Amino acid sequence: MEEDIEQKLYDAEITSVVHGFMQVWNKFESTLSTELARIQESLNGLQPGKESPHNANYELFYRVSSNLYLKDSVTMGELSRSLSVPLSTATRMVDWLVGNGYLKRLPDLEDRRVIRVALTNIGQELHKTIDGYIRYRIRQIFSCLTHEEQSTLLTLIDKVVSSLKETVR
């Protein structure tokens, strides 16, 4: 009986935390979009004559660019697998990102049938900008915690992410 009460309290805590994250996420995402649109305007100097896309999808860009940023290039198959989407979906994503100047297609030097994709200079700059903004906002959010609490929280989140990676395989 006491275990049931504890489990219900624990479940209520989990629900409260998830709902809190969802409420805050919408505000964070909105702020991020507005800030990135402003920053994108300043990055336009890197692409003379190219207008800023008014329908920019920064979440899509960041999902893809996070898989490319530290690599020279990846094949479409590798990108599809890392994003856990069908190849046709990855192709549509890449088409949009190429069309907006964030990615470029490259031939594979070993197999002419294979297409590789890589970030353009503007794509690299935008990725760095988004990363910097996310780090800045997380530092703001974590400012209510001591350094030790921040470190503990990051360690715990890393454990949860590792567990998620194992269960999603």
N, C-alpha and C. Protein backbone atom coordinates (compact mmCIF):
# COMPACT_ATOMS: atom_id res chain seq x y z
N MET A 1 0.82 -1.19 0.00
CA MET A 1 0.00 0.00 0.00
C MET A 1 0.86 1.26 0.00
N GLU A 2 1.88 1.27 0.87
CA GLU A 2 2.78 2.43 0.95
C GLU A 2 3.58 2.59 -0.34
N GLU A 3 3.94 1.44 -0.96
CA GLU A 3 4.64 1.48 -2.24
C GLU A 3 3.78 2.10 -3.33
N ASP A 4 2.49 1.79 -3.32
CA ASP A 4 1.56 2.37 -4.29
C ASP A 4 1.49 3.88 -4.15
N ILE A 5 1.44 4.36 -2.92
CA ILE A 5 1.38 5.80 -2.68
C ILE A 5 2.68 6.46 -3.15
N GLU A 6 3.82 5.85 -2.84
CA GLU A 6 5.11 6.39 -3.28
C GLU A 6 5.19 6.41 -4.80
N GLN A 7 4.72 5.34 -5.45
CA GLN A 7 4.75 5.27 -6.91
C GLN A 7 3.86 6.35 -7.51
N LYS A 8 2.69 6.58 -6.94
CA LYS A 8 1.80 7.62 -7.44
C LYS A 8 2.41 9.01 -7.26
N LEU A 9 3.07 9.25 -6.15
CA LEU A 9 3.75 10.54 -5.93
C LEU A 9 4.88 10.72 -6.93
N TYR A 10 5.64 9.65 -7.16
CA TYR A 10 6.74 9.70 -8.12
C TYR A 10 6.20 9.96 -9.53
N ASP A 11 5.12 9.27 -9.90
CA ASP A 11 4.50 9.49 -11.21
C ASP A 11 4.00 10.93 -11.34
N ALA A 12 3.43 11.47 -10.28
CA ALA A 12 2.95 12.86 -10.31
C ALA A 12 4.12 13.83 -10.48
N GLU A 13 5.25 13.55 -9.84
CA GLU A 13 6.44 14.38 -10.00
C GLU A 13 6.93 14.35 -11.44
N ILE A 14 6.98 13.15 -12.02
CA ILE A 14 7.43 13.00 -13.40
C ILE A 14 6.52 13.79 -14.33
N THR A 15 5.23 13.63 -14.15
CA THR A 15 4.25 14.34 -14.99
C THR A 15 4.43 15.85 -14.85
N SER A 16 4.62 16.32 -13.65
CA SER A 16 4.80 17.75 -13.41
C SER A 16 6.06 18.28 -14.10
N VAL A 17 7.15 17.53 -14.02
CA VAL A 17 8.40 17.94 -14.66
C VAL A 17 8.25 17.96 -16.18
N VAL A 18 7.64 16.92 -16.73
CA VAL A 18 7.46 16.85 -18.18
C VAL A 18 6.58 18.01 -18.66
N HIS A 19 5.48 18.26 -17.96
CA HIS A 19 4.60 19.37 -18.35
C HIS A 19 5.32 20.71 -18.23
N GLY A 20 6.11 20.86 -17.18
CA GLY A 20 6.89 22.09 -17.02
C GLY A 20 7.86 22.30 -18.17
N PHE A 21 8.56 21.22 -18.56
CA PHE A 21 9.48 21.31 -19.70
C PHE A 21 8.75 21.68 -20.98
N MET A 22 7.59 21.09 -21.19
CA MET A 22 6.83 21.37 -22.40
C MET A 22 6.42 22.84 -22.47
N GLN A 23 5.99 23.40 -21.34
CA GLN A 23 5.59 24.80 -21.30
C GLN A 23 6.78 25.72 -21.58
N VAL A 24 7.89 25.41 -20.95
CA VAL A 24 9.08 26.24 -21.12
C VAL A 24 9.66 26.06 -22.52
N TRP A 25 9.58 24.85 -23.07
CA TRP A 25 10.17 24.57 -24.39
C TRP A 25 9.56 25.46 -25.46
N ASN A 26 8.24 25.61 -25.44
CA ASN A 26 7.58 26.46 -26.44
C ASN A 26 8.12 27.88 -26.40
N LYS A 27 8.30 28.41 -25.20
CA LYS A 27 8.83 29.77 -25.06
C LYS A 27 10.29 29.82 -25.53
N PHE A 28 11.07 28.82 -25.15
CA PHE A 28 12.48 28.76 -25.55
C PHE A 28 12.59 28.69 -27.07
N GLU A 29 11.77 27.84 -27.68
CA GLU A 29 11.81 27.66 -29.13
C GLU A 29 11.42 28.95 -29.85
N SER A 30 10.42 29.63 -29.34
CA SER A 30 9.98 30.90 -29.93
C SER A 30 11.09 31.95 -29.83
N THR A 31 11.71 32.04 -28.66
CA THR A 31 12.80 32.99 -28.46
C THR A 31 13.98 32.64 -29.36
N LEU A 32 14.29 31.36 -29.46
CA LEU A 32 15.38 30.91 -30.31
C LEU A 32 15.12 31.28 -31.76
N SER A 33 13.91 31.04 -32.25
CA SER A 33 13.58 31.38 -33.64
C SER A 33 13.73 32.87 -33.91
N THR A 34 13.24 33.69 -33.01
CA THR A 34 13.33 35.15 -33.17
C THR A 34 14.80 35.59 -33.16
N GLU A 35 15.57 35.07 -32.22
CA GLU A 35 16.98 35.44 -32.11
C GLU A 35 17.76 34.98 -33.35
N LEU A 36 17.48 33.77 -33.81
CA LEU A 36 18.18 33.25 -34.98
C LEU A 36 17.82 34.01 -36.25
N ALA A 37 16.57 34.44 -36.36
CA ALA A 37 16.17 35.24 -37.52
C ALA A 37 16.97 36.55 -37.55
N ARG A 38 17.15 37.14 -36.36
CA ARG A 38 17.93 38.37 -36.27
C ARG A 38 19.40 38.11 -36.64
N ILE A 39 19.94 37.02 -36.13
CA ILE A 39 21.34 36.68 -36.41
C ILE A 39 21.50 36.31 -37.88
N GLN A 40 20.51 35.63 -38.45
CA GLN A 40 20.57 35.25 -39.86
C GLN A 40 20.73 36.47 -40.75
N GLU A 41 20.05 37.55 -40.39
CA GLU A 41 20.16 38.79 -41.16
C GLU A 41 21.62 39.25 -41.22
N SER A 42 22.32 39.13 -40.09
CA SER A 42 23.73 39.56 -40.09
C SER A 42 24.61 38.58 -40.85
N LEU A 43 24.19 37.31 -40.91
CA LEU A 43 24.98 36.32 -41.65
C LEU A 43 24.79 36.45 -43.16
N ASN A 44 23.76 37.15 -43.59
CA ASN A 44 23.49 37.29 -45.02
C ASN A 44 24.66 37.90 -45.76
N GLY A 45 25.49 38.66 -45.06
CA GLY A 45 26.67 39.22 -45.69
C GLY A 45 27.61 38.14 -46.22
N LEU A 46 27.50 36.94 -45.67
CA LEU A 46 28.32 35.83 -46.13
C LEU A 46 27.81 35.26 -47.45
N GLN A 47 26.57 35.58 -47.81
CA GLN A 47 25.96 35.10 -49.05
C GLN A 47 25.40 36.30 -49.81
N PRO A 48 26.23 37.08 -50.45
CA PRO A 48 25.73 38.25 -51.16
C PRO A 48 24.64 37.88 -52.16
N GLY A 49 23.58 38.68 -52.18
CA GLY A 49 22.50 38.47 -53.13
C GLY A 49 21.51 37.39 -52.72
N LYS A 50 21.75 36.70 -51.63
CA LYS A 50 20.85 35.63 -51.18
C LYS A 50 19.96 36.18 -50.07
N GLU A 51 18.66 36.14 -50.30
CA GLU A 51 17.73 36.63 -49.29
C GLU A 51 17.61 35.61 -48.16
N SER A 52 17.35 36.11 -46.98
CA SER A 52 17.12 35.24 -45.84
C SER A 52 15.81 34.48 -46.03
N PRO A 53 15.83 33.17 -45.82
CA PRO A 53 14.58 32.43 -45.98
C PRO A 53 13.59 32.79 -44.88
N HIS A 54 12.40 33.25 -45.27
CA HIS A 54 11.41 33.64 -44.27
C HIS A 54 10.76 32.43 -43.63
N ASN A 55 10.87 31.29 -44.27
CA ASN A 55 10.30 30.07 -43.72
C ASN A 55 11.39 29.18 -43.14
N ALA A 56 12.44 29.78 -42.62
CA ALA A 56 13.57 29.02 -42.10
C ALA A 56 13.12 28.05 -41.02
N ASN A 57 13.61 26.84 -41.09
CA ASN A 57 13.30 25.81 -40.11
C ASN A 57 14.60 25.49 -39.39
N TYR A 58 14.85 26.22 -38.31
CA TYR A 58 16.12 26.08 -37.60
C TYR A 58 16.23 24.76 -36.87
N GLU A 59 15.10 24.20 -36.44
CA GLU A 59 15.15 22.90 -35.79
C GLU A 59 15.62 21.84 -36.78
N LEU A 60 15.06 21.86 -37.99
CA LEU A 60 15.48 20.93 -39.04
C LEU A 60 16.96 21.15 -39.35
N PHE A 61 17.35 22.40 -39.53
CA PHE A 61 18.74 22.70 -39.83
C PHE A 61 19.65 22.15 -38.74
N TYR A 62 19.30 22.39 -37.48
CA TYR A 62 20.17 21.98 -36.38
C TYR A 62 20.24 20.46 -36.25
N ARG A 63 19.11 19.77 -36.49
CA ARG A 63 19.13 18.30 -36.47
C ARG A 63 20.13 17.77 -37.49
N VAL A 64 20.10 18.33 -38.69
CA VAL A 64 20.99 17.86 -39.75
C VAL A 64 22.42 18.33 -39.50
N SER A 65 22.58 19.60 -39.18
CA SER A 65 23.94 20.16 -39.03
C SER A 65 24.69 19.53 -37.87
N SER A 66 23.97 19.09 -36.84
CA SER A 66 24.64 18.43 -35.71
C SER A 66 25.29 17.11 -36.13
N ASN A 67 24.77 16.52 -37.20
CA ASN A 67 25.35 15.29 -37.72
C ASN A 67 26.50 15.55 -38.69
N LEU A 68 26.65 16.79 -39.11
CA LEU A 68 27.66 17.12 -40.12
C LEU A 68 28.79 18.00 -39.59
N TYR A 69 28.53 18.75 -38.54
CA TYR A 69 29.43 19.82 -38.15
C TYR A 69 30.88 19.38 -37.94
N LEU A 70 31.09 18.29 -37.28
CA LEU A 70 32.46 17.86 -36.98
C LEU A 70 33.03 16.91 -38.04
N LYS A 71 32.30 16.75 -39.15
CA LYS A 71 32.74 15.84 -40.21
C LYS A 71 32.92 16.64 -41.49
N ASP A 72 33.78 16.14 -42.36
CA ASP A 72 33.94 16.79 -43.67
C ASP A 72 32.67 16.64 -44.49
N SER A 73 32.14 15.42 -44.50
CA SER A 73 30.91 15.14 -45.24
C SER A 73 30.40 13.78 -44.81
N VAL A 74 29.13 13.50 -45.12
CA VAL A 74 28.55 12.18 -44.87
C VAL A 74 27.76 11.77 -46.11
N THR A 75 27.55 10.48 -46.25
CA THR A 75 26.72 10.02 -47.36
C THR A 75 25.26 10.23 -46.98
N MET A 76 24.39 10.22 -47.97
CA MET A 76 22.97 10.35 -47.71
C MET A 76 22.47 9.19 -46.83
N GLY A 77 23.00 7.99 -47.06
CA GLY A 77 22.62 6.84 -46.24
C GLY A 77 23.02 7.03 -44.78
N GLU A 78 24.24 7.52 -44.56
CA GLU A 78 24.70 7.77 -43.19
C GLU A 78 23.81 8.81 -42.51
N LEU A 79 23.48 9.86 -43.24
CA LEU A 79 22.63 10.91 -42.68
C LEU A 79 21.25 10.35 -42.35
N SER A 80 20.69 9.59 -43.25
CA SER A 80 19.37 8.98 -43.04
C SER A 80 19.36 8.13 -41.77
N ARG A 81 20.39 7.30 -41.61
CA ARG A 81 20.47 6.44 -40.41
C ARG A 81 20.67 7.27 -39.14
N SER A 82 21.51 8.28 -39.17
CA SER A 82 21.77 9.05 -37.95
C SER A 82 20.56 9.88 -37.54
N LEU A 83 19.72 10.27 -38.51
CA LEU A 83 18.50 11.02 -38.20
C LEU A 83 17.31 10.10 -37.93
N SER A 84 17.51 8.79 -38.17
CA SER A 84 16.45 7.79 -38.02
C SER A 84 15.23 8.14 -38.87
N VAL A 85 15.50 8.49 -40.13
CA VAL A 85 14.42 8.78 -41.08
C VAL A 85 14.69 8.00 -42.36
N PRO A 86 13.64 7.73 -43.15
CA PRO A 86 13.85 7.06 -44.43
C PRO A 86 14.72 7.92 -45.35
N LEU A 87 15.39 7.28 -46.29
CA LEU A 87 16.26 7.98 -47.22
C LEU A 87 15.49 9.07 -47.99
N SER A 88 14.24 8.79 -48.34
CA SER A 88 13.44 9.79 -49.07
C SER A 88 13.21 11.05 -48.23
N THR A 89 13.02 10.88 -46.93
CA THR A 89 12.83 12.02 -46.03
C THR A 89 14.14 12.80 -45.90
N ALA A 90 15.25 12.08 -45.75
CA ALA A 90 16.56 12.73 -45.67
C ALA A 90 16.83 13.52 -46.95
N THR A 91 16.44 12.96 -48.07
CA THR A 91 16.64 13.64 -49.36
C THR A 91 15.85 14.94 -49.41
N ARG A 92 14.59 14.92 -48.97
CA ARG A 92 13.78 16.14 -48.95
C ARG A 92 14.39 17.19 -48.02
N MET A 93 14.89 16.74 -46.86
CA MET A 93 15.54 17.67 -45.92
C MET A 93 16.75 18.31 -46.58
N VAL A 94 17.58 17.48 -47.20
CA VAL A 94 18.79 17.98 -47.83
C VAL A 94 18.44 18.90 -49.00
N ASP A 95 17.43 18.56 -49.78
CA ASP A 95 17.01 19.44 -50.87
C ASP A 95 16.71 20.84 -50.36
N TRP A 96 15.94 20.93 -49.27
CA TRP A 96 15.57 22.23 -48.71
C TRP A 96 16.81 22.97 -48.21
N LEU A 97 17.69 22.24 -47.51
CA LEU A 97 18.89 22.87 -46.94
C LEU A 97 19.89 23.29 -48.02
N VAL A 98 19.99 22.52 -49.10
CA VAL A 98 20.84 22.90 -50.23
C VAL A 98 20.24 24.14 -50.91
N GLY A 99 18.94 24.11 -51.11
CA GLY A 99 18.26 25.23 -51.76
C GLY A 99 18.40 26.54 -51.01
N ASN A 100 18.57 26.46 -49.69
CA ASN A 100 18.72 27.67 -48.88
C ASN A 100 20.18 27.99 -48.58
N GLY A 101 21.09 27.24 -49.19
CA GLY A 101 22.51 27.56 -49.08
C GLY A 101 23.21 27.05 -47.84
N TYR A 102 22.58 26.17 -47.07
CA TYR A 102 23.19 25.67 -45.83
C TYR A 102 24.05 24.43 -46.05
N LEU A 103 23.69 23.64 -47.06
CA LEU A 103 24.41 22.40 -47.37
C LEU A 103 24.83 22.41 -48.83
N LYS A 104 25.80 21.56 -49.14
CA LYS A 104 26.18 21.34 -50.53
C LYS A 104 26.32 19.84 -50.75
N ARG A 105 26.03 19.43 -51.96
CA ARG A 105 26.21 18.03 -52.35
C ARG A 105 27.59 17.89 -52.96
N LEU A 106 28.23 16.77 -52.66
CA LEU A 106 29.57 16.51 -53.17
C LEU A 106 29.63 15.10 -53.76
N PRO A 107 30.45 14.89 -54.77
CA PRO A 107 30.62 13.53 -55.26
C PRO A 107 31.49 12.74 -54.29
N ASP A 108 31.28 11.45 -54.24
CA ASP A 108 32.13 10.58 -53.43
C ASP A 108 33.34 10.23 -54.30
N LEU A 109 34.54 10.41 -53.79
CA LEU A 109 35.74 10.19 -54.58
C LEU A 109 35.98 8.71 -54.90
N GLU A 110 35.40 7.82 -54.09
CA GLU A 110 35.62 6.39 -54.30
C GLU A 110 34.50 5.71 -55.07
N ASP A 111 33.30 6.29 -55.05
CA ASP A 111 32.15 5.66 -55.70
C ASP A 111 31.27 6.75 -56.30
N ARG A 112 31.27 6.87 -57.61
CA ARG A 112 30.54 7.95 -58.28
C ARG A 112 29.04 7.87 -58.09
N ARG A 113 28.53 6.71 -57.68
CA ARG A 113 27.08 6.56 -57.46
C ARG A 113 26.64 7.18 -56.13
N VAL A 114 27.58 7.41 -55.24
CA VAL A 114 27.27 7.90 -53.89
C VAL A 114 27.34 9.42 -53.85
N ILE A 115 26.35 10.02 -53.20
CA ILE A 115 26.32 11.47 -52.99
C ILE A 115 26.64 11.75 -51.54
N ARG A 116 27.51 12.69 -51.32
CA ARG A 116 27.86 13.12 -49.98
C ARG A 116 27.29 14.52 -49.76
N VAL A 117 27.06 14.88 -48.51
CA VAL A 117 26.62 16.24 -48.20
C VAL A 117 27.52 16.83 -47.13
N ALA A 118 27.68 18.14 -47.20
CA ALA A 118 28.53 18.85 -46.24
C ALA A 118 27.93 20.23 -46.00
N LEU A 119 28.29 20.82 -44.88
CA LEU A 119 27.85 22.18 -44.59
C LEU A 119 28.61 23.17 -45.46
N THR A 120 27.90 24.19 -45.93
CA THR A 120 28.56 25.32 -46.60
C THR A 120 29.15 26.22 -45.52
N ASN A 121 29.86 27.25 -45.93
CA ASN A 121 30.38 28.21 -44.94
C ASN A 121 29.25 28.83 -44.13
N ILE A 122 28.17 29.23 -44.81
CA ILE A 122 27.04 29.83 -44.10
C ILE A 122 26.40 28.81 -43.16
N GLY A 123 26.35 27.54 -43.57
CA GLY A 123 25.82 26.48 -42.72
C GLY A 123 26.67 26.29 -41.47
N GLN A 124 27.98 26.32 -41.64
CA GLN A 124 28.88 26.20 -40.49
C GLN A 124 28.70 27.37 -39.53
N GLU A 125 28.60 28.57 -40.08
CA GLU A 125 28.41 29.77 -39.25
C GLU A 125 27.08 29.71 -38.51
N LEU A 126 26.02 29.30 -39.20
CA LEU A 126 24.72 29.22 -38.55
C LEU A 126 24.73 28.15 -37.46
N HIS A 127 25.37 27.02 -37.72
CA HIS A 127 25.46 25.97 -36.70
C HIS A 127 26.19 26.50 -35.46
N LYS A 128 27.32 27.17 -35.66
CA LYS A 128 28.07 27.73 -34.53
C LYS A 128 27.22 28.75 -33.77
N THR A 129 26.45 29.54 -34.50
CA THR A 129 25.60 30.54 -33.87
C THR A 129 24.52 29.89 -33.02
N ILE A 130 23.87 28.87 -33.55
CA ILE A 130 22.83 28.17 -32.79
C ILE A 130 23.45 27.51 -31.56
N ASP A 131 24.59 26.84 -31.73
CA ASP A 131 25.27 26.21 -30.59
C ASP A 131 25.59 27.24 -29.51
N GLY A 132 26.13 28.37 -29.93
CA GLY A 132 26.47 29.42 -28.97
C GLY A 132 25.24 29.94 -28.24
N TYR A 133 24.16 30.13 -28.98
CA TYR A 133 22.93 30.63 -28.37
C TYR A 133 22.37 29.61 -27.38
N ILE A 134 22.38 28.34 -27.74
CA ILE A 134 21.88 27.30 -26.83
C ILE A 134 22.73 27.26 -25.56
N ARG A 135 24.05 27.31 -25.70
CA ARG A 135 24.92 27.32 -24.51
C ARG A 135 24.63 28.54 -23.63
N TYR A 136 24.45 29.70 -24.25
CA TYR A 136 24.15 30.93 -23.52
C TYR A 136 22.84 30.78 -22.74
N ARG A 137 21.80 30.28 -23.41
CA ARG A 137 20.50 30.14 -22.74
C ARG A 137 20.56 29.09 -21.62
N ILE A 138 21.31 28.02 -21.83
CA ILE A 138 21.41 27.00 -20.78
C ILE A 138 22.18 27.55 -19.59
N ARG A 139 23.22 28.34 -19.84
CA ARG A 139 23.92 28.99 -18.72
C ARG A 139 22.96 29.89 -17.95
N GLN A 140 22.09 30.62 -18.67
CA GLN A 140 21.09 31.46 -17.99
C GLN A 140 20.15 30.60 -17.14
N ILE A 141 19.68 29.51 -17.72
CA ILE A 141 18.74 28.64 -17.02
C ILE A 141 19.41 28.01 -15.80
N PHE A 142 20.65 27.60 -15.94
CA PHE A 142 21.37 26.95 -14.85
C PHE A 142 21.86 27.92 -13.79
N SER A 143 21.72 29.22 -14.02
CA SER A 143 22.28 30.20 -13.08
C SER A 143 21.65 30.11 -11.69
N CYS A 144 20.48 29.46 -11.57
CA CYS A 144 19.85 29.31 -10.26
C CYS A 144 20.50 28.16 -9.46
N LEU A 145 21.41 27.44 -10.09
CA LEU A 145 22.08 26.31 -9.45
C LEU A 145 23.52 26.66 -9.10
N THR A 146 24.05 26.02 -8.06
CA THR A 146 25.46 26.18 -7.75
C THR A 146 26.28 25.46 -8.82
N HIS A 147 27.58 25.73 -8.86
CA HIS A 147 28.44 25.06 -9.82
C HIS A 147 28.37 23.54 -9.63
N GLU A 148 28.37 23.11 -8.38
CA GLU A 148 28.30 21.68 -8.08
C GLU A 148 26.97 21.08 -8.56
N GLU A 149 25.87 21.79 -8.34
CA GLU A 149 24.56 21.31 -8.80
C GLU A 149 24.51 21.24 -10.33
N GLN A 150 25.10 22.24 -10.99
CA GLN A 150 25.15 22.23 -12.45
C GLN A 150 25.90 21.01 -12.94
N SER A 151 27.03 20.75 -12.33
CA SER A 151 27.86 19.61 -12.72
C SER A 151 27.11 18.30 -12.50
N THR A 152 26.44 18.19 -11.36
CA THR A 152 25.67 16.99 -11.04
C THR A 152 24.53 16.81 -12.05
N LEU A 153 23.82 17.90 -12.35
CA LEU A 153 22.71 17.83 -13.30
C LEU A 153 23.19 17.38 -14.67
N LEU A 154 24.29 17.95 -15.15
CA LEU A 154 24.83 17.57 -16.46
C LEU A 154 25.25 16.10 -16.47
N THR A 155 25.83 15.62 -15.38
CA THR A 155 26.22 14.21 -15.28
C THR A 155 24.98 13.32 -15.34
N LEU A 156 23.93 13.71 -14.61
CA LEU A 156 22.69 12.93 -14.61
C LEU A 156 22.02 12.94 -15.98
N ILE A 157 21.98 14.10 -16.62
CA ILE A 157 21.39 14.18 -17.96
C ILE A 157 22.18 13.32 -18.94
N ASP A 158 23.50 13.33 -18.83
CA ASP A 158 24.34 12.51 -19.69
C ASP A 158 24.02 11.02 -19.48
N LYS A 159 23.80 10.61 -18.24
CA LYS A 159 23.43 9.22 -17.96
C LYS A 159 22.10 8.88 -18.60
N VAL A 160 21.13 9.80 -18.50
CA VAL A 160 19.81 9.56 -19.08
C VAL A 160 19.92 9.46 -20.60
N VAL A 161 20.70 10.34 -21.21
CA VAL A 161 20.88 10.30 -22.66
C VAL A 161 21.53 8.99 -23.07
N SER A 162 22.54 8.55 -22.34
CA SER A 162 23.19 7.26 -22.64
C SER A 162 22.19 6.12 -22.54
N SER A 163 21.34 6.16 -21.52
CA SER A 163 20.31 5.13 -21.36
C SER A 163 19.32 5.16 -22.52
N LEU A 164 18.93 6.36 -22.94
CA LEU A 164 18.02 6.49 -24.07
C LEU A 164 18.64 5.92 -25.35
N LYS A 165 19.93 6.19 -25.56
CA LYS A 165 20.61 5.65 -26.73
C LYS A 165 20.59 4.13 -26.73
N GLU A 166 20.75 3.54 -25.56
CA GLU A 166 20.75 2.08 -25.46
C GLU A 166 19.36 1.50 -25.71
N THR A 167 18.32 2.16 -25.23
CA THR A 167 16.97 1.61 -25.39
C THR A 167 16.40 1.85 -26.77
N VAL A 168 16.94 2.81 -27.51
CA VAL A 168 16.42 3.13 -28.84
C VAL A 168 17.04 2.24 -29.91
N ARG A 169 18.12 1.61 -29.63
CA ARG A 169 18.82 0.78 -30.63
C ARG A 169 17.95 -0.23 -31.25
